[in-house]
Amino acid sequence: MFSSIFRSPAFRRSTAASTSIAGLLTVAVSANAWVANNAVSVSVRRAIAPATRTTLAEAAPSRASFSSSANNNKDDAEYSSVGRAFYPQDVYYDSKVKETLEKLRTVKRDDIVVDVDAHNNTATTNNTTGILGRSGRKLMGTLTLIGYKGGSLDSQINQDRAVVVSPFWVGNEEKENDVNKMDVERNITSKLIGCFDGHARLGEVVSDYVVKELPKLLASKLEKIEPKDHPEQVTKAISETFVEMDKTAPAEVSGGCTATIILQRGSKLYVANAGDSRSFVVVYRAKKKTANVIYISREDKPNLPDERERVEKAGGQVLVPLYGTSRVLYTDPESGLTSGLAMSRSIGDWEVGKLGVIPDPIVDIIDIDQVVKDHSESDDDVCIFAVSATDGLMDYTTPEGIAKVLATSMYEKDGSHLMTALEQLIYVAASGWERSKRGTYRDDIAISVSEIRIPPNLQ
């Protein structure tokens, strides 16, 4: 009998924080409820039984080629021709990550020593963060938790992928891994974050491909734009990248993934989404200590009027049940059975793509300077950060709750480390799945976050 994420008594550890965590586990369906219960310390967890596949890399079909956990020789991000990339590690099943996170919970963000080079592009942390250096820093990061979808524990595969690339290099023609060539003016503030939620059999193959190839393809397209970083041309490049990812994805047999990204180029943010993962942008006012979600991407669901019209014109059928999510019905080419895709846009999913499901993203542009102007008063205290997350997280948290938790961690004096905040949010969502499904199912969970702007007087 399967012992689910919150059931095994072997993992229930008694600590001074048990009262607040009990409130977290029994009350918090959203991060708002968690904040209300003041559950800042996360030193008690109900159990996740041991699994053979313990890390995101080990869950991936091409272990050696997945760059986050396969590289065990250094506790740092990966550098490539498109910049410095952080990849998620599993908060529980990776024993080294879990141990480091447990130590990190007792440390305030500003107590961790970070040495930054002259260009503010590379950093070396002390041993407090250790292996977590592969997944983030104080103001940017990404983490994940593998789900449970039935069957034996050692058969579980994490189909979620995520990334933070900061800085995100465009037009860097120097030799790959030359980290001293990053100070091209328009690349210093450039960032790319995203989440990619695989689905169906071999969905992890598609999401793994997209997380590695999309940044490179997008950078190559952005470099060709004239004039540089022209908003209309950037939007076109993003759309073309999604479509090309769909055409080249390893989806011949089965599988697909969502794609939600936020790209920062100069004073513009570009948010692109295909599927039911989501990205959102948050403004934090340092003096008032308020965090407000100013933009959130749409979930591309088949029951939306424009989406349903396109699907039905292509010969597809949309199922809209009384309870649960709408789906595009299609015949699985392997089993011959009728299946349903719970989104109207995705990368891969070639069989249902014949029925009106498209990879083309909805792309919105946010002017950072205008956001600052709209939210500033006498003094500039406007901080901006961006979040991408899969539905495994979003189904049991709220954007507003996530925003408050992350803002506290990133900007407030006594805040916990960002990695601790991400870990807490993941466990809030996991507890929501436990309460709802009673241990029979839990979706994979992934989240990425990055600082976008800190006002000069607060740097």
Protein backbone atom coordinates (compact mmCIF):
# COMPACT_ATOMS: atom_id res chain seq x y z
CA MET A 1 0.00 0.00 0.00
CA PHE A 2 1.39 3.38 -0.99
CA SER A 3 2.38 5.63 1.89
CA SER A 4 1.72 9.14 0.57
CA ILE A 5 3.56 12.40 0.97
CA PHE A 6 1.96 13.33 4.29
CA ARG A 7 1.07 9.96 5.81
CA SER A 8 4.10 8.08 7.04
CA PRO A 9 4.73 8.73 10.77
CA ALA A 10 8.43 8.00 10.33
CA PHE A 11 8.98 11.45 8.91
CA ARG A 12 6.97 13.45 11.47
CA ARG A 13 9.64 15.17 13.49
CA SER A 14 8.77 17.00 16.69
CA THR A 15 10.27 20.51 16.91
CA ALA A 16 9.53 23.88 18.44
CA ALA A 17 7.83 24.87 15.21
CA SER A 18 5.29 22.07 15.33
CA THR A 19 2.39 24.31 16.33
CA SER A 20 2.76 26.68 13.40
CA ILE A 21 3.38 23.86 10.96
CA ALA A 22 0.29 22.03 12.19
CA GLY A 23 -1.61 25.13 11.22
CA LEU A 24 0.04 25.03 7.83
CA LEU A 25 -0.84 21.41 7.19
CA THR A 26 -4.45 21.58 8.38
CA VAL A 27 -5.53 25.05 7.29
CA ALA A 28 -3.48 26.47 4.45
CA VAL A 29 -4.95 25.70 1.08
CA SER A 30 -3.27 28.83 -0.24
CA ALA A 31 -0.08 30.67 0.59
CA ASN A 32 -2.29 33.44 1.98
CA ALA A 33 -3.55 31.08 4.67
CA TRP A 34 0.01 30.03 5.38
CA VAL A 35 1.10 33.63 5.86
CA ALA A 36 -1.89 34.21 8.13
CA ASN A 37 -0.76 31.31 10.30
CA ASN A 38 2.78 32.76 10.48
CA ALA A 39 4.27 29.44 9.44
CA VAL A 40 7.73 30.77 8.63
CA SER A 41 9.78 27.85 9.90
CA VAL A 42 9.34 24.62 7.98
CA SER A 43 11.12 22.15 10.20
CA VAL A 44 8.28 19.62 10.30
CA ARG A 45 7.14 17.70 7.26
CA ARG A 46 4.86 14.75 6.93
CA ALA A 47 6.43 11.92 5.05
CA ILE A 48 7.41 11.39 1.50
CA ALA A 49 8.41 7.74 1.31
CA PRO A 50 11.83 7.04 -0.17
CA ALA A 51 11.95 6.62 -3.92
CA THR A 52 14.53 5.13 -6.25
CA ARG A 53 14.46 8.16 -8.55
CA THR A 54 15.47 10.83 -6.13
CA THR A 55 16.26 13.86 -8.26
CA LEU A 56 14.87 15.70 -11.23
CA ALA A 57 17.85 14.62 -13.28
CA GLU A 58 17.38 10.99 -12.37
CA ALA A 59 13.72 11.24 -13.28
CA ALA A 60 14.61 12.54 -16.72
CA PRO A 61 15.06 10.02 -19.53
CA SER A 62 18.42 11.53 -20.50
CA ARG A 63 20.00 11.86 -17.11
CA ALA A 64 23.46 12.89 -18.18
CA SER A 65 22.19 15.60 -20.46
CA PHE A 66 19.93 17.30 -17.92
CA SER A 67 22.08 19.97 -16.43
CA SER A 68 20.73 20.70 -12.97
CA SER A 69 21.46 17.67 -10.83
CA ALA A 70 23.66 15.62 -13.14
CA ASN A 71 26.58 17.97 -12.54
CA ASN A 72 27.76 16.89 -9.09
CA ASN A 73 31.21 18.46 -9.23
CA LYS A 74 30.23 22.02 -8.33
CA ASP A 75 27.66 23.88 -6.30
CA ASP A 76 27.02 26.60 -8.84
CA ALA A 77 24.88 27.53 -11.80
CA GLU A 78 25.67 26.36 -15.31
CA TYR A 79 27.26 28.75 -17.81
CA SER A 80 26.68 28.43 -21.53
CA SER A 81 26.49 30.54 -24.65
CA VAL A 82 23.17 32.03 -23.49
CA GLY A 83 24.20 32.93 -19.95
CA ARG A 84 24.07 31.69 -16.38
CA ALA A 85 21.33 29.10 -15.95
CA PHE A 86 19.78 27.88 -12.71
CA TYR A 87 17.79 24.63 -12.79
CA PRO A 88 15.47 23.20 -10.13
CA GLN A 89 16.39 20.44 -7.72
CA ASP A 90 13.93 18.33 -5.78
CA VAL A 91 13.17 19.66 -2.29
CA TYR A 92 12.68 16.21 -0.79
CA TYR A 93 13.86 13.36 -2.96
CA ASP A 94 17.33 14.82 -3.45
CA SER A 95 18.83 14.02 -0.04
CA LYS A 96 21.64 16.58 -0.29
CA VAL A 97 19.22 19.32 -1.28
CA LYS A 98 16.80 18.37 1.48
CA GLU A 99 19.58 18.44 4.08
CA THR A 100 20.82 21.83 2.89
CA LEU A 101 17.31 23.27 2.92
CA GLU A 102 16.82 22.07 6.50
CA LYS A 103 19.95 23.96 7.56
CA LEU A 104 18.98 27.02 5.57
CA ARG A 105 15.63 27.42 7.38
CA THR A 106 17.41 28.62 10.50
CA VAL A 107 19.43 31.30 8.65
CA LYS A 108 18.23 34.77 7.70
CA ARG A 109 18.83 35.88 4.13
CA ASP A 110 21.29 38.64 5.01
CA ASP A 111 23.34 36.37 7.27
CA ILE A 112 24.60 34.45 4.25
CA VAL A 113 27.89 35.70 2.84
CA VAL A 114 27.89 36.33 -0.90
CA ASP A 115 30.89 37.60 -2.83
CA VAL A 116 29.94 39.28 -6.11
CA ASP A 117 32.35 40.25 -8.85
CA ALA A 118 32.72 43.74 -10.26
CA HIS A 119 30.07 43.22 -12.91
CA ASN A 120 27.56 41.75 -10.42
CA ASN A 121 27.26 38.68 -12.58
CA THR A 122 29.01 35.87 -10.72
CA ALA A 123 28.80 35.04 -7.06
CA THR A 124 30.35 32.65 -4.58
CA THR A 125 28.44 31.72 -1.46
CA ASN A 126 29.62 30.13 1.75
CA ASN A 127 28.71 26.56 2.61
CA THR A 128 25.31 27.53 4.00
CA THR A 129 23.66 27.33 0.59
CA GLY A 130 26.01 24.67 -0.78
CA ILE A 131 24.39 22.58 -3.48
CA LEU A 132 21.51 25.07 -3.73
CA GLY A 133 23.87 27.35 -5.63
CA ARG A 134 22.90 25.34 -8.69
CA SER A 135 19.29 26.46 -8.28
CA GLY A 136 19.48 30.10 -7.25
CA ARG A 137 20.64 33.04 -5.20
CA LYS A 138 19.03 35.52 -2.82
CA LEU A 139 16.95 37.19 -5.54
CA MET A 140 16.40 34.44 -8.08
CA GLY A 141 15.82 30.72 -7.93
CA THR A 142 13.88 27.62 -8.89
CA LEU A 143 12.88 24.41 -7.10
CA THR A 144 10.66 21.39 -7.75
CA LEU A 145 8.94 18.38 -6.14
CA ILE A 146 8.20 15.17 -7.99
CA GLY A 147 4.55 14.08 -7.92
CA TYR A 148 2.76 10.80 -7.32
CA LYS A 149 0.55 9.52 -10.15
CA GLY A 150 -0.17 5.96 -9.10
CA GLY A 151 1.88 2.79 -9.15
CA SER A 152 5.15 2.09 -7.39
CA LEU A 153 7.20 4.91 -5.92
CA ASP A 154 10.26 4.06 -7.97
CA SER A 155 8.27 4.42 -11.19
CA GLN A 156 7.45 8.09 -10.60
CA ILE A 157 8.89 10.60 -13.08
CA ASN A 158 8.96 14.36 -12.68
CA GLN A 159 7.67 15.82 -15.93
CA ASP A 160 8.04 19.46 -14.79
CA ARG A 161 11.02 21.50 -15.92
CA ALA A 162 11.99 25.06 -15.05
CA VAL A 163 14.84 27.51 -15.51
CA VAL A 164 16.16 30.93 -14.57
CA VAL A 165 18.75 32.39 -16.94
CA SER A 166 20.36 35.52 -15.52
CA PRO A 167 21.97 37.26 -17.23
CA PHE A 168 20.43 36.04 -20.49
CA TRP A 169 22.97 36.69 -23.22
CA VAL A 170 22.00 37.66 -26.74
CA GLY A 171 24.74 38.02 -29.33
CA ASN A 172 27.58 36.82 -27.17
CA GLU A 173 29.92 35.32 -29.75
CA GLU A 174 32.78 34.63 -27.34
CA LYS A 175 33.75 31.10 -26.47
CA GLU A 176 31.14 29.13 -24.53
CA ASN A 177 31.61 29.17 -20.74
CA ASP A 178 33.75 32.33 -20.85
CA VAL A 179 32.05 34.02 -17.89
CA ASN A 180 34.26 37.10 -18.16
CA LYS A 181 32.56 38.24 -21.38
CA MET A 182 29.14 38.98 -19.91
CA ASP A 183 29.31 42.76 -19.63
CA VAL A 184 27.63 43.62 -22.90
CA GLU A 185 25.44 46.54 -21.90
CA ARG A 186 22.11 45.26 -23.12
CA ASN A 187 22.70 41.80 -21.66
CA ILE A 188 23.54 42.77 -18.08
CA THR A 189 19.89 43.29 -17.06
CA SER A 190 18.47 40.66 -19.41
CA LYS A 191 16.74 37.70 -17.78
CA LEU A 192 14.69 34.70 -18.83
CA ILE A 193 12.59 32.56 -16.50
CA GLY A 194 10.13 29.83 -17.33
CA CYS A 195 8.31 26.62 -16.46
CA PHE A 196 7.45 23.71 -18.75
CA ASP A 197 4.96 21.09 -17.54
CA GLY A 198 5.14 17.82 -19.43
CA HIS A 199 2.08 15.63 -19.82
CA ALA A 200 1.07 12.27 -21.29
CA ARG A 201 3.53 9.43 -21.73
CA LEU A 202 6.98 10.80 -22.56
CA GLY A 203 5.90 14.33 -21.69
CA GLU A 204 9.10 14.68 -19.69
CA VAL A 205 11.07 14.10 -22.90
CA VAL A 206 9.36 17.08 -24.50
CA SER A 207 9.65 19.39 -21.48
CA ASP A 208 13.31 18.44 -21.02
CA TYR A 209 13.99 19.28 -24.65
CA VAL A 210 12.20 22.62 -24.43
CA VAL A 211 13.88 23.80 -21.23
CA LYS A 212 17.30 23.23 -22.79
CA GLU A 213 16.66 24.33 -26.36
CA LEU A 214 14.21 27.23 -26.06
CA PRO A 215 16.71 29.70 -24.50
CA LYS A 216 19.25 29.00 -27.23
CA LEU A 217 16.76 29.29 -30.08
CA LEU A 218 15.23 32.47 -28.64
CA ALA A 219 18.65 34.09 -28.19
CA SER A 220 19.58 33.31 -31.80
CA LYS A 221 16.36 34.91 -33.06
CA LEU A 222 16.72 38.00 -30.84
CA GLU A 223 20.23 38.58 -32.14
CA LYS A 224 18.92 38.99 -35.70
CA ILE A 225 16.48 41.75 -34.79
CA GLU A 226 17.04 45.20 -36.26
CA PRO A 227 16.76 47.64 -34.61
CA LYS A 228 17.91 45.78 -31.52
CA ASP A 229 15.18 44.76 -29.07
CA HIS A 230 12.37 46.34 -31.07
CA PRO A 231 9.22 45.27 -29.13
CA GLU A 232 7.22 44.06 -32.13
CA GLN A 233 10.16 42.07 -33.41
CA VAL A 234 10.87 40.59 -29.96
CA THR A 235 7.24 39.49 -29.72
CA LYS A 236 7.50 37.89 -33.16
CA ALA A 237 10.74 36.12 -32.19
CA ILE A 238 9.12 34.67 -29.07
CA SER A 239 6.11 33.39 -31.02
CA GLU A 240 8.34 31.89 -33.70
CA THR A 241 10.41 30.19 -31.00
CA PHE A 242 7.36 28.47 -29.49
CA VAL A 243 6.16 27.31 -32.89
CA GLU A 244 9.59 26.01 -33.86
CA MET A 245 9.92 24.20 -30.53
CA ASP A 246 6.66 22.45 -31.33
CA LYS A 247 7.88 21.39 -34.78
CA THR A 248 11.21 20.05 -33.54
CA ALA A 249 10.11 18.56 -30.20
CA PRO A 250 10.65 14.79 -29.76
CA ALA A 251 6.90 14.12 -29.78
CA GLU A 252 6.69 11.55 -32.57
CA VAL A 253 5.34 8.90 -30.24
CA SER A 254 3.60 10.83 -27.51
CA GLY A 255 3.86 13.74 -25.12
CA GLY A 256 3.76 17.50 -24.90
CA CYS A 257 4.31 20.31 -22.47
CA THR A 258 3.12 23.74 -21.45
CA ALA A 259 5.44 26.71 -21.83
CA THR A 260 5.29 29.90 -19.82
CA ILE A 261 8.19 32.37 -19.86
CA ILE A 262 9.07 35.91 -18.85
CA LEU A 263 11.81 37.67 -20.80
CA GLN A 264 13.39 40.95 -19.67
CA ARG A 265 15.09 43.02 -22.36
CA GLY A 266 15.96 46.58 -21.39
CA SER A 267 12.91 48.34 -19.96
CA LYS A 268 10.43 45.77 -21.28
CA LEU A 269 9.06 42.53 -19.92
CA TYR A 270 7.63 40.00 -22.38
CA VAL A 271 5.31 37.37 -20.90
CA ALA A 272 4.50 34.45 -23.20
CA ASN A 273 2.25 31.55 -22.36
CA ALA A 274 0.94 28.40 -24.02
CA GLY A 275 -0.98 26.01 -21.76
CA ASP A 276 -2.13 26.04 -18.16
CA SER A 277 1.12 26.92 -16.41
CA ARG A 278 1.19 30.59 -15.42
CA SER A 279 3.51 33.57 -15.12
CA PHE A 280 2.90 36.75 -13.19
CA VAL A 281 4.58 40.03 -12.30
CA VAL A 282 4.63 41.56 -8.83
CA VAL A 283 5.28 45.09 -7.56
CA TYR A 284 6.62 45.37 -4.03
CA ARG A 285 6.58 48.73 -2.27
CA ALA A 286 9.48 48.73 0.18
CA LYS A 287 8.14 51.45 2.49
CA LYS A 288 4.62 50.09 2.77
CA LYS A 289 5.74 46.46 2.58
CA THR A 290 2.96 45.66 0.14
CA ALA A 291 3.09 43.17 -2.71
CA ASN A 292 0.61 43.46 -5.58
CA VAL A 293 0.22 41.21 -8.61
CA ILE A 294 -0.02 43.61 -11.54
CA TYR A 295 -0.20 41.02 -14.32
CA ILE A 296 -0.92 37.30 -14.63
CA SER A 297 -1.00 35.20 -17.77
CA ARG A 298 -4.13 33.43 -18.91
CA GLU A 299 -4.68 29.71 -18.53
CA ASP A 300 -5.32 28.43 -22.03
CA LYS A 301 -8.36 26.24 -21.41
CA PRO A 302 -10.51 24.62 -24.13
CA ASN A 303 -13.78 26.07 -22.76
CA LEU A 304 -12.69 29.68 -23.38
CA PRO A 305 -14.86 31.01 -26.23
CA ASP A 306 -12.02 31.88 -28.62
CA GLU A 307 -10.17 28.63 -27.91
CA ARG A 308 -13.26 26.46 -28.24
CA GLU A 309 -14.18 28.11 -31.53
CA ARG A 310 -10.75 27.37 -33.01
CA VAL A 311 -10.76 23.75 -31.80
CA GLU A 312 -14.23 23.03 -33.11
CA LYS A 313 -13.48 24.65 -36.47
CA ALA A 314 -10.53 22.25 -36.77
CA GLY A 315 -12.81 19.29 -36.12
CA GLY A 316 -12.01 18.88 -32.44
CA GLN A 317 -14.46 18.20 -29.64
CA VAL A 318 -14.39 20.07 -26.33
CA LEU A 319 -15.62 18.32 -23.21
CA VAL A 320 -16.89 20.69 -20.51
CA PRO A 321 -17.85 18.64 -17.42
CA LEU A 322 -19.93 19.91 -14.51
CA TYR A 323 -16.88 19.47 -12.29
CA GLY A 324 -13.23 19.57 -13.19
CA THR A 325 -11.42 21.05 -16.15
CA SER A 326 -12.46 21.22 -19.78
CA ARG A 327 -10.61 19.04 -22.27
CA VAL A 328 -9.98 18.58 -25.97
CA LEU A 329 -10.89 14.98 -26.82
CA TYR A 330 -8.67 12.96 -29.13
CA THR A 331 -7.75 9.37 -29.89
CA ASP A 332 -4.45 8.27 -28.39
CA PRO A 333 -2.34 6.84 -31.27
CA GLU A 334 -0.73 4.18 -29.06
CA SER A 335 -3.69 2.85 -27.11
CA GLY A 336 -6.49 3.73 -29.49
CA LEU A 337 -8.48 5.04 -26.54
CA THR A 338 -10.14 8.43 -26.24
CA SER A 339 -8.11 10.87 -24.14
CA GLY A 340 -8.54 14.48 -23.16
CA LEU A 341 -5.98 17.29 -23.13
CA ALA A 342 -6.72 19.85 -20.42
CA MET A 343 -5.45 22.84 -22.42
CA SER A 344 -5.95 24.43 -25.81
CA ARG A 345 -2.32 25.43 -26.46
CA SER A 346 0.85 23.41 -25.92
CA ILE A 347 4.18 22.33 -27.38
CA GLY A 348 4.19 18.79 -28.77
CA ASP A 349 0.90 16.88 -28.54
CA TRP A 350 0.99 16.40 -32.29
CA GLU A 351 -2.06 14.15 -32.44
CA VAL A 352 -4.34 16.67 -30.76
CA GLY A 353 -2.58 19.43 -32.68
CA LYS A 354 -4.53 18.22 -35.70
CA LEU A 355 -7.68 19.26 -33.81
CA GLY A 356 -6.94 22.91 -33.17
CA VAL A 357 -4.52 22.77 -30.24
CA ILE A 358 -1.72 25.18 -31.17
CA PRO A 359 1.73 26.11 -29.79
CA ASP A 360 1.39 29.83 -30.55
CA PRO A 361 1.72 31.76 -27.28
CA ILE A 362 -0.19 34.79 -26.13
CA VAL A 363 2.54 37.42 -25.66
CA ASP A 364 2.02 40.54 -23.56
CA ILE A 365 4.46 43.42 -23.06
CA ILE A 366 4.93 45.25 -19.77
CA ASP A 367 6.79 48.56 -19.71
CA ILE A 368 8.94 48.61 -16.57
CA ASP A 369 9.39 52.38 -16.60
CA GLN A 370 5.63 52.87 -16.78
CA VAL A 371 5.08 50.44 -13.91
CA VAL A 372 7.53 52.42 -11.77
CA LYS A 373 5.81 55.66 -12.70
CA ASP A 374 2.37 54.28 -11.90
CA HIS A 375 3.38 52.97 -8.47
CA SER A 376 5.89 55.58 -7.27
CA GLU A 377 5.00 58.37 -4.88
CA SER A 378 7.50 60.89 -3.47
CA ASP A 379 10.38 58.42 -3.33
CA ASP A 380 11.16 55.52 -5.61
CA ASP A 381 10.69 52.35 -3.57
CA VAL A 382 9.28 50.17 -6.36
CA CYS A 383 10.70 46.66 -6.56
CA ILE A 384 9.54 44.31 -9.31
CA PHE A 385 9.88 40.56 -9.55
CA ALA A 386 8.53 37.82 -11.84
CA VAL A 387 7.24 34.30 -11.18
CA SER A 388 6.53 31.29 -13.38
CA ALA A 389 4.90 28.14 -11.98
CA THR A 390 3.24 24.93 -13.08
CA ASP A 391 -0.33 24.07 -12.16
CA GLY A 392 0.95 21.65 -9.54
CA LEU A 393 1.74 24.74 -7.49
CA MET A 394 -0.97 27.10 -8.74
CA ASP A 395 -3.87 24.72 -8.11
CA TYR A 396 -3.37 24.97 -4.33
CA THR A 397 -1.88 28.42 -3.83
CA THR A 398 -2.85 31.89 -4.98
CA PRO A 399 -0.76 34.42 -6.91
CA GLU A 400 -1.32 36.97 -4.14
CA GLY A 401 -0.18 34.55 -1.47
CA ILE A 402 2.89 33.54 -3.46
CA ALA A 403 3.71 37.22 -4.01
CA LYS A 404 3.60 38.00 -0.28
CA VAL A 405 5.75 35.04 0.69
CA LEU A 406 8.40 35.75 -1.94
CA ALA A 407 8.45 39.52 -1.32
CA THR A 408 9.05 38.97 2.38
CA SER A 409 11.94 36.66 1.57
CA MET A 410 13.51 38.82 -1.12
CA TYR A 411 13.18 42.32 0.32
CA GLU A 412 12.34 42.46 4.02
CA LYS A 413 15.15 42.75 6.53
CA ASP A 414 14.41 39.63 8.56
CA GLY A 415 13.30 37.57 5.60
CA SER A 416 14.25 33.95 5.14
CA HIS A 417 16.39 32.90 2.21
CA LEU A 418 14.55 32.73 -1.12
CA MET A 419 15.18 28.99 -1.32
CA THR A 420 13.42 28.54 2.00
CA ALA A 421 10.45 30.54 0.72
CA LEU A 422 10.26 28.43 -2.45
CA GLU A 423 10.45 25.26 -0.39
CA GLN A 424 7.63 26.47 1.85
CA LEU A 425 5.39 27.29 -1.09
CA ILE A 426 5.99 23.85 -2.63
CA TYR A 427 5.00 22.13 0.60
CA VAL A 428 1.89 24.29 0.92
CA ALA A 429 0.81 23.10 -2.53
CA ALA A 430 1.74 19.50 -1.69
CA SER A 431 -0.41 19.61 1.44
CA GLY A 432 -3.28 20.90 -0.69
CA TRP A 433 -2.96 17.92 -3.01
CA GLU A 434 -2.89 15.60 0.01
CA ARG A 435 -6.07 17.02 1.47
CA SER A 436 -7.85 16.97 -1.87
CA LYS A 437 -6.72 13.60 -3.23
CA ARG A 438 -5.99 11.80 0.07
CA GLY A 439 -2.67 10.50 -1.15
CA THR A 440 -3.93 8.98 -4.40
CA TYR A 441 -2.46 11.68 -6.66
CA ARG A 442 -0.14 14.67 -6.51
CA ASP A 443 0.96 16.61 -9.56
CA ASP A 444 4.59 17.53 -10.12
CA ILE A 445 5.35 21.00 -8.76
CA ALA A 446 7.83 23.58 -10.09
CA ILE A 447 8.38 27.30 -9.60
CA SER A 448 10.89 29.88 -10.87
CA VAL A 449 11.31 33.45 -9.64
CA SER A 450 13.62 36.35 -10.42
CA GLU A 451 14.10 39.91 -9.29
CA ILE A 452 13.46 42.32 -12.16
CA ARG A 453 14.07 45.74 -10.61
CA ILE A 454 15.43 47.15 -7.37
CA PRO A 455 15.37 50.96 -7.06
CA PRO A 456 18.81 52.59 -6.95
CA ASN A 457 18.39 53.87 -3.38
CA LEU A 458 17.72 50.33 -2.10
CA GLN A 459 20.58 48.57 -3.86
